[in-house]
């Protein structure tokens, strides 16, 4: 992921925030034909210091379910269009529209597994986590006749992260007045996406102020 120095971030709390916001990621591997394989999957995220692991599963019919070894995971964050007309110094040179966003690229190693007990634990943990996120209590039970056979249709994976690349493009390369104007304009759009992006800009400004 191309990341100019102005937009590079190293604080892993931003990765925590990205995956708490949206744990539906893109897993990227290389197929037998040398072309990229992409799968969108929900994952469970665990971090202890700099040790990071993602867990999830593929459909067994997915060719990617046969992959072990090097892989990338792409994590999406908030994003949105920024109009150059929002800047107080809009007549200054190089004031052009842009797109603000936050994202992460994770590089590491995939380890697949299809042991029934391990799969049952994974599916149970995934369902418990996401059921709680919507205020529901559906439970996976491997002993139920209509649940257990489902495990034969999936392959689990662990992704051990070796390198994290965080990119926060949140107008931090602009003067303070421009940043504040963009935040105000995004808020005034009154869309969930624009309000969220404005909030991320505020958080980033607060972090910069506290560390400066």
C-alpha atoms as a PDB file:
ATOM      1  CA  UNK A   1       0.000   0.000   0.000  1.00  0.00           C
ATOM      2  CA  UNK A   2       1.508   3.293  -1.083  1.00  0.00           C
ATOM      3  CA  UNK A   3       1.861   5.402   2.054  1.00  0.00           C
ATOM      4  CA  UNK A   4       3.573   8.798   1.967  1.00  0.00           C
ATOM      5  CA  UNK A   5       5.345   9.642   5.217  1.00  0.00           C
ATOM      6  CA  UNK A   6       2.743  12.267   6.142  1.00  0.00           C
ATOM      7  CA  UNK A   7       0.040   9.583   6.296  1.00  0.00           C
ATOM      8  CA  UNK A   8       1.990   6.722   7.920  1.00  0.00           C
ATOM      9  CA  UNK A   9       0.932   5.669  11.423  1.00  0.00           C
ATOM     10  CA  UNK A  10       2.664   3.271  13.819  1.00  0.00           C
ATOM     11  CA  UNK A  11       0.385   3.298  16.876  1.00  0.00           C
ATOM     12  CA  UNK A  12      -1.362  -0.089  16.894  1.00  0.00           C
ATOM     13  CA  UNK A  13      -4.301   1.396  18.758  1.00  0.00           C
ATOM     14  CA  UNK A  14      -5.452   2.565  15.320  1.00  0.00           C
ATOM     15  CA  UNK A  15      -5.443  -1.046  14.134  1.00  0.00           C
ATOM     16  CA  UNK A  16      -7.531  -1.954  17.196  1.00  0.00           C
ATOM     17  CA  UNK A  17      -9.936   0.804  16.236  1.00  0.00           C
ATOM     18  CA  UNK A  18     -10.114  -0.268  12.591  1.00  0.00           C
ATOM     19  CA  UNK A  19     -10.912  -3.889  13.399  1.00  0.00           C
ATOM     20  CA  UNK A  20     -13.361  -2.970  16.147  1.00  0.00           C
ATOM     21  CA  UNK A  21     -15.127  -0.819  13.575  1.00  0.00           C
ATOM     22  CA  UNK A  22     -15.177  -3.421  10.775  1.00  0.00           C
ATOM     23  CA  UNK A  23     -13.822  -6.969  11.100  1.00  0.00           C
ATOM     24  CA  UNK A  24     -14.900  -7.895   7.548  1.00  0.00           C
ATOM     25  CA  UNK A  25     -11.496  -8.039   5.844  1.00  0.00           C
ATOM     26  CA  UNK A  26      -9.955  -9.049   2.520  1.00  0.00           C
ATOM     27  CA  UNK A  27      -7.559 -12.008   2.556  1.00  0.00           C
ATOM     28  CA  UNK A  28      -5.087 -11.936  -0.346  1.00  0.00           C
ATOM     29  CA  UNK A  29      -3.045 -14.927  -1.536  1.00  0.00           C
ATOM     30  CA  UNK A  30      -1.451 -15.996  -4.824  1.00  0.00           C
ATOM     31  CA  UNK A  31      -3.091 -18.840  -6.720  1.00  0.00           C
ATOM     32  CA  UNK A  32      -1.516 -21.686  -8.632  1.00  0.00           C
ATOM     33  CA  UNK A  33      -1.775 -19.597 -11.818  1.00  0.00           C
ATOM     34  CA  UNK A  34       0.245 -16.788 -10.245  1.00  0.00           C
ATOM     35  CA  UNK A  35      -2.763 -14.474 -10.035  1.00  0.00           C
ATOM     36  CA  UNK A  36      -4.137 -12.940  -6.837  1.00  0.00           C
ATOM     37  CA  UNK A  37      -6.929 -14.688  -4.938  1.00  0.00           C
ATOM     38  CA  UNK A  38      -9.208 -12.499  -2.804  1.00  0.00           C
ATOM     39  CA  UNK A  39     -11.755 -13.531  -0.199  1.00  0.00           C
ATOM     40  CA  UNK A  40     -13.867 -11.254   1.965  1.00  0.00           C
ATOM     41  CA  UNK A  41     -14.354 -12.809   5.406  1.00  0.00           C
ATOM     42  CA  UNK A  42     -15.203 -11.794   8.980  1.00  0.00           C
ATOM     43  CA  UNK A  43     -12.383 -12.410  11.459  1.00  0.00           C
ATOM     44  CA  UNK A  44     -11.696 -12.492  15.156  1.00  0.00           C
ATOM     45  CA  UNK A  45      -8.884 -10.130  16.116  1.00  0.00           C
ATOM     46  CA  UNK A  46      -6.495 -10.610  19.014  1.00  0.00           C
ATOM     47  CA  UNK A  47      -3.521  -8.439  19.935  1.00  0.00           C
ATOM     48  CA  UNK A  48      -1.124  -8.648  22.851  1.00  0.00           C
ATOM     49  CA  UNK A  49       1.430  -5.899  22.458  1.00  0.00           C
ATOM     50  CA  UNK A  50       2.852  -6.346  18.972  1.00  0.00           C
ATOM     51  CA  UNK A  51       1.689  -9.989  18.707  1.00  0.00           C
ATOM     52  CA  UNK A  52      -1.343 -10.055  16.416  1.00  0.00           C
ATOM     53  CA  UNK A  53      -3.505 -12.942  15.252  1.00  0.00           C
ATOM     54  CA  UNK A  54      -6.622 -13.085  13.099  1.00  0.00           C
ATOM     55  CA  UNK A  55      -8.865 -16.146  12.940  1.00  0.00           C
ATOM     56  CA  UNK A  56     -11.578 -16.977  10.456  1.00  0.00           C
ATOM     57  CA  UNK A  57     -12.754 -19.589   7.989  1.00  0.00           C
ATOM     58  CA  UNK A  58     -13.364 -20.168   4.302  1.00  0.00           C
ATOM     59  CA  UNK A  59     -15.864 -22.330   2.483  1.00  0.00           C
ATOM     60  CA  UNK A  60     -14.057 -25.598   1.746  1.00  0.00           C
ATOM     61  CA  UNK A  61     -14.948 -25.145  -1.938  1.00  0.00           C
ATOM     62  CA  UNK A  62     -12.969 -21.886  -2.006  1.00  0.00           C
ATOM     63  CA  UNK A  63      -9.553 -22.537  -3.654  1.00  0.00           C
ATOM     64  CA  UNK A  64      -7.989 -20.193  -1.098  1.00  0.00           C
ATOM     65  CA  UNK A  65      -8.842 -22.721   1.634  1.00  0.00           C
ATOM     66  CA  UNK A  66      -5.895 -24.794   0.400  1.00  0.00           C
ATOM     67  CA  UNK A  67      -3.365 -22.031   1.081  1.00  0.00           C
ATOM     68  CA  UNK A  68      -0.784 -21.973   3.819  1.00  0.00           C
ATOM     69  CA  UNK A  69       2.096 -19.535   4.035  1.00  0.00           C
ATOM     70  CA  UNK A  70       2.561 -15.892   3.017  1.00  0.00           C
ATOM     71  CA  UNK A  71      -0.542 -13.753   2.694  1.00  0.00           C
ATOM     72  CA  UNK A  72      -1.872 -10.233   3.124  1.00  0.00           C
ATOM     73  CA  UNK A  73      -4.982  -8.987   4.863  1.00  0.00           C
ATOM     74  CA  UNK A  74      -6.521  -5.640   3.920  1.00  0.00           C
ATOM     75  CA  UNK A  75      -8.549  -3.785   6.552  1.00  0.00           C
ATOM     76  CA  UNK A  76     -10.957  -1.045   5.514  1.00  0.00           C
ATOM     77  CA  UNK A  77     -11.725   2.070   7.511  1.00  0.00           C
ATOM     78  CA  UNK A  78     -13.878   5.167   7.092  1.00  0.00           C
ATOM     79  CA  UNK A  79     -13.463   7.142   3.883  1.00  0.00           C
ATOM     80  CA  UNK A  80     -15.001   9.962   1.928  1.00  0.00           C
ATOM     81  CA  UNK A  81     -14.636  12.693  -0.667  1.00  0.00           C
ATOM     82  CA  UNK A  82     -13.144  16.048   0.351  1.00  0.00           C
ATOM     83  CA  UNK A  83     -14.062  19.055  -1.785  1.00  0.00           C
ATOM     84  CA  UNK A  84     -11.400  21.675  -2.382  1.00  0.00           C
ATOM     85  CA  UNK A  85     -14.142  24.275  -1.982  1.00  0.00           C
ATOM     86  CA  UNK A  86     -14.214  23.514   1.761  1.00  0.00           C
ATOM     87  CA  UNK A  87     -10.727  24.927   2.350  1.00  0.00           C
ATOM     88  CA  UNK A  88     -10.475  28.525   3.611  1.00  0.00           C
ATOM     89  CA  UNK A  89      -7.352  28.898   1.478  1.00  0.00           C
ATOM     90  CA  UNK A  90      -9.016  27.308  -1.566  1.00  0.00           C
ATOM     91  CA  UNK A  91      -7.186  29.646  -3.935  1.00  0.00           C
ATOM     92  CA  UNK A  92      -3.765  28.475  -2.741  1.00  0.00           C
ATOM     93  CA  UNK A  93      -1.654  26.428  -5.118  1.00  0.00           C
ATOM     94  CA  UNK A  94      -2.231  22.664  -5.077  1.00  0.00           C
ATOM     95  CA  UNK A  95      -5.620  22.941  -3.337  1.00  0.00           C
ATOM     96  CA  UNK A  96      -7.514  20.197  -5.164  1.00  0.00           C
ATOM     97  CA  UNK A  97     -10.217  17.689  -4.195  1.00  0.00           C
ATOM     98  CA  UNK A  98      -9.048  14.503  -2.520  1.00  0.00           C
ATOM     99  CA  UNK A  99     -10.267  11.410  -0.709  1.00  0.00           C
ATOM    100  CA  UNK A 100      -9.687  10.964   3.017  1.00  0.00           C
ATOM    101  CA  UNK A 101      -9.528   7.463   4.491  1.00  0.00           C
ATOM    102  CA  UNK A 102      -8.028   5.103   7.035  1.00  0.00           C
ATOM    103  CA  UNK A 103      -6.820   1.608   6.153  1.00  0.00           C
ATOM    104  CA  UNK A 104      -4.352  -1.108   7.098  1.00  0.00           C
ATOM    105  CA  UNK A 105      -2.370  -3.728   5.221  1.00  0.00           C
ATOM    106  CA  UNK A 106      -1.213  -6.719   7.246  1.00  0.00           C
ATOM    107  CA  UNK A 107       1.442  -9.148   6.040  1.00  0.00           C
ATOM    108  CA  UNK A 108       2.021 -12.514   7.619  1.00  0.00           C
ATOM    109  CA  UNK A 109       1.539 -16.275   7.505  1.00  0.00           C
ATOM    110  CA  UNK A 110      -1.650 -18.266   7.036  1.00  0.00           C
ATOM    111  CA  UNK A 111      -2.082 -21.558   8.874  1.00  0.00           C
ATOM    112  CA  UNK A 112      -5.127 -23.552   7.786  1.00  0.00           C
ATOM    113  CA  UNK A 113      -6.845 -26.186   9.923  1.00  0.00           C
ATOM    114  CA  UNK A 114      -9.818 -28.513   9.603  1.00  0.00           C
ATOM    115  CA  UNK A 115      -9.803 -30.401  12.887  1.00  0.00           C
ATOM    116  CA  UNK A 116     -13.500 -30.671  13.898  1.00  0.00           C
ATOM    117  CA  UNK A 117     -12.898 -29.648  17.512  1.00  0.00           C
ATOM    118  CA  UNK A 118     -10.859 -26.602  16.501  1.00  0.00           C
ATOM    119  CA  UNK A 119     -13.440 -25.638  13.880  1.00  0.00           C
ATOM    120  CA  UNK A 120     -16.267 -25.989  16.390  1.00  0.00           C
ATOM    121  CA  UNK A 121     -14.420 -23.728  18.828  1.00  0.00           C
ATOM    122  CA  UNK A 122     -13.792 -21.160  16.083  1.00  0.00           C
ATOM    123  CA  UNK A 123     -17.360 -21.105  14.767  1.00  0.00           C
ATOM    124  CA  UNK A 124     -18.676 -20.867  18.315  1.00  0.00           C
ATOM    125  CA  UNK A 125     -16.373 -17.951  19.098  1.00  0.00           C
ATOM    126  CA  UNK A 126     -17.242 -16.152  15.844  1.00  0.00           C
ATOM    127  CA  UNK A 127     -20.985 -16.544  16.359  1.00  0.00           C
ATOM    128  CA  UNK A 128     -20.793 -15.507  20.029  1.00  0.00           C
ATOM    129  CA  UNK A 129     -18.786 -12.389  19.131  1.00  0.00           C
ATOM    130  CA  UNK A 130     -20.996 -11.171  16.308  1.00  0.00           C
ATOM    131  CA  UNK A 131     -24.277 -12.176  17.967  1.00  0.00           C
ATOM    132  CA  UNK A 132     -23.280  -9.994  20.920  1.00  0.00           C
ATOM    133  CA  UNK A 133     -22.560  -7.128  18.531  1.00  0.00           C
ATOM    134  CA  UNK A 134     -26.205  -7.138  17.388  1.00  0.00           C
ATOM    135  CA  UNK A 135     -27.678  -7.863  20.810  1.00  0.00           C
ATOM    136  CA  UNK A 136     -28.688 -11.450  20.053  1.00  0.00           C
ATOM    137  CA  UNK A 137     -27.844 -14.834  21.574  1.00  0.00           C
ATOM    138  CA  UNK A 138     -27.882 -17.474  18.812  1.00  0.00           C
ATOM    139  CA  UNK A 139     -25.383 -20.197  19.705  1.00  0.00           C
ATOM    140  CA  UNK A 140     -23.522 -22.727  17.598  1.00  0.00           C
ATOM    141  CA  UNK A 141     -23.781 -26.271  18.954  1.00  0.00           C
ATOM    142  CA  UNK A 142     -21.591 -28.869  17.232  1.00  0.00           C
ATOM    143  CA  UNK A 143     -23.628 -31.673  18.828  1.00  0.00           C
ATOM    144  CA  UNK A 144     -26.856 -30.621  17.147  1.00  0.00           C
ATOM    145  CA  UNK A 145     -27.687 -32.705  14.053  1.00  0.00           C
ATOM    146  CA  UNK A 146     -28.248 -29.570  11.973  1.00  0.00           C
ATOM    147  CA  UNK A 147     -25.117 -27.756  13.174  1.00  0.00           C
ATOM    148  CA  UNK A 148     -22.311 -30.314  13.380  1.00  0.00           C
ATOM    149  CA  UNK A 149     -22.333 -31.329   9.679  1.00  0.00           C
ATOM    150  CA  UNK A 150     -21.749 -27.689   8.704  1.00  0.00           C
ATOM    151  CA  UNK A 151     -18.151 -28.018   9.911  1.00  0.00           C
ATOM    152  CA  UNK A 152     -17.353 -30.334   7.009  1.00  0.00           C
ATOM    153  CA  UNK A 153     -18.070 -27.487   4.602  1.00  0.00           C
ATOM    154  CA  UNK A 154     -15.455 -25.086   5.994  1.00  0.00           C
ATOM    155  CA  UNK A 155     -11.714 -24.759   6.605  1.00  0.00           C
ATOM    156  CA  UNK A 156     -10.378 -22.556   9.376  1.00  0.00           C
ATOM    157  CA  UNK A 157      -7.325 -20.327   9.346  1.00  0.00           C
ATOM    158  CA  UNK A 158      -5.036 -18.488  11.697  1.00  0.00           C
ATOM    159  CA  UNK A 159      -3.177 -15.486  10.332  1.00  0.00           C
ATOM    160  CA  UNK A 160      -0.046 -14.574  12.256  1.00  0.00           C
ATOM    161  CA  UNK A 161       0.773 -10.948  11.497  1.00  0.00           C
ATOM    162  CA  UNK A 162       4.428 -10.145  10.850  1.00  0.00           C
ATOM    163  CA  UNK A 163       4.142  -6.571   9.549  1.00  0.00           C
ATOM    164  CA  UNK A 164       1.526  -3.844   9.964  1.00  0.00           C
ATOM    165  CA  UNK A 165       1.166  -0.893   7.618  1.00  0.00           C
ATOM    166  CA  UNK A 166      -1.309   1.732   8.793  1.00  0.00           C
ATOM    167  CA  UNK A 167      -2.374   4.628   6.610  1.00  0.00           C
ATOM    168  CA  UNK A 168      -4.397   7.535   7.982  1.00  0.00           C
ATOM    169  CA  UNK A 169      -5.042  10.124   5.288  1.00  0.00           C
ATOM    170  CA  UNK A 170      -7.030  12.630   7.330  1.00  0.00           C
ATOM    171  CA  UNK A 171      -5.953  16.060   6.015  1.00  0.00           C
ATOM    172  CA  UNK A 172      -3.028  16.205   8.458  1.00  0.00           C
ATOM    173  CA  UNK A 173      -0.886  17.600   5.627  1.00  0.00           C
ATOM    174  CA  UNK A 174      -3.096  20.706   5.565  1.00  0.00           C
ATOM    175  CA  UNK A 175      -3.063  23.805   7.774  1.00  0.00           C
ATOM    176  CA  UNK A 176      -5.157  23.630  10.923  1.00  0.00           C
ATOM    177  CA  UNK A 177      -7.844  25.909   9.495  1.00  0.00           C
ATOM    178  CA  UNK A 178      -8.344  23.592   6.527  1.00  0.00           C
ATOM    179  CA  UNK A 179      -8.609  20.541   8.770  1.00  0.00           C
ATOM    180  CA  UNK A 180     -11.249  22.186  10.924  1.00  0.00           C
ATOM    181  CA  UNK A 181     -13.170  23.321   7.859  1.00  0.00           C
ATOM    182  CA  UNK A 182     -13.205  19.795   6.416  1.00  0.00           C
ATOM    183  CA  UNK A 183     -14.462  18.373   9.710  1.00  0.00           C
ATOM    184  CA  UNK A 184     -17.261  20.953   9.842  1.00  0.00           C
ATOM    185  CA  UNK A 185     -18.241  20.324   6.219  1.00  0.00           C
ATOM    186  CA  UNK A 186     -18.332  16.554   6.728  1.00  0.00           C
ATOM    187  CA  UNK A 187     -20.513  16.989   9.807  1.00  0.00           C
ATOM    188  CA  UNK A 188     -22.885  19.204   7.849  1.00  0.00           C
ATOM    189  CA  UNK A 189     -23.429  16.480   5.236  1.00  0.00           C
ATOM    190  CA  UNK A 190     -25.301  14.538   7.956  1.00  0.00           C
ATOM    191  CA  UNK A 191     -24.550  11.111   6.511  1.00  0.00           C
ATOM    192  CA  UNK A 192     -23.286   8.249   8.694  1.00  0.00           C
ATOM    193  CA  UNK A 193     -20.128   7.963   6.588  1.00  0.00           C
ATOM    194  CA  UNK A 194     -19.308  11.673   6.661  1.00  0.00           C
ATOM    195  CA  UNK A 195     -19.963  11.982  10.398  1.00  0.00           C
ATOM    196  CA  UNK A 196     -17.741   8.972  11.100  1.00  0.00           C
ATOM    197  CA  UNK A 197     -14.926  10.341   8.941  1.00  0.00           C
ATOM    198  CA  UNK A 198     -15.135  13.684  10.735  1.00  0.00           C
ATOM    199  CA  UNK A 199     -14.855  11.872  14.064  1.00  0.00           C
ATOM    200  CA  UNK A 200     -11.733  10.015  12.945  1.00  0.00           C
ATOM    201  CA  UNK A 201     -10.214  13.329  11.916  1.00  0.00           C
ATOM    202  CA  UNK A 202     -10.966  14.687  15.400  1.00  0.00           C
ATOM    203  CA  UNK A 203      -9.393  11.637  17.061  1.00  0.00           C
ATOM    204  CA  UNK A 204      -6.275  12.002  14.943  1.00  0.00           C
ATOM    205  CA  UNK A 205      -5.994  15.689  15.762  1.00  0.00           C
ATOM    206  CA  UNK A 206      -6.382  14.905  19.465  1.00  0.00           C
ATOM    207  CA  UNK A 207      -3.633  12.297  19.275  1.00  0.00           C
ATOM    208  CA  UNK A 208      -1.323  14.700  17.447  1.00  0.00           C
ATOM    209  CA  UNK A 209      -2.003  17.416  20.037  1.00  0.00           C
ATOM    210  CA  UNK A 210      -1.356  15.076  22.980  1.00  0.00           C
ATOM    211  CA  UNK A 211       1.872  13.743  21.500  1.00  0.00           C
ATOM    212  CA  UNK A 212       3.109  17.132  20.354  1.00  0.00           C
END
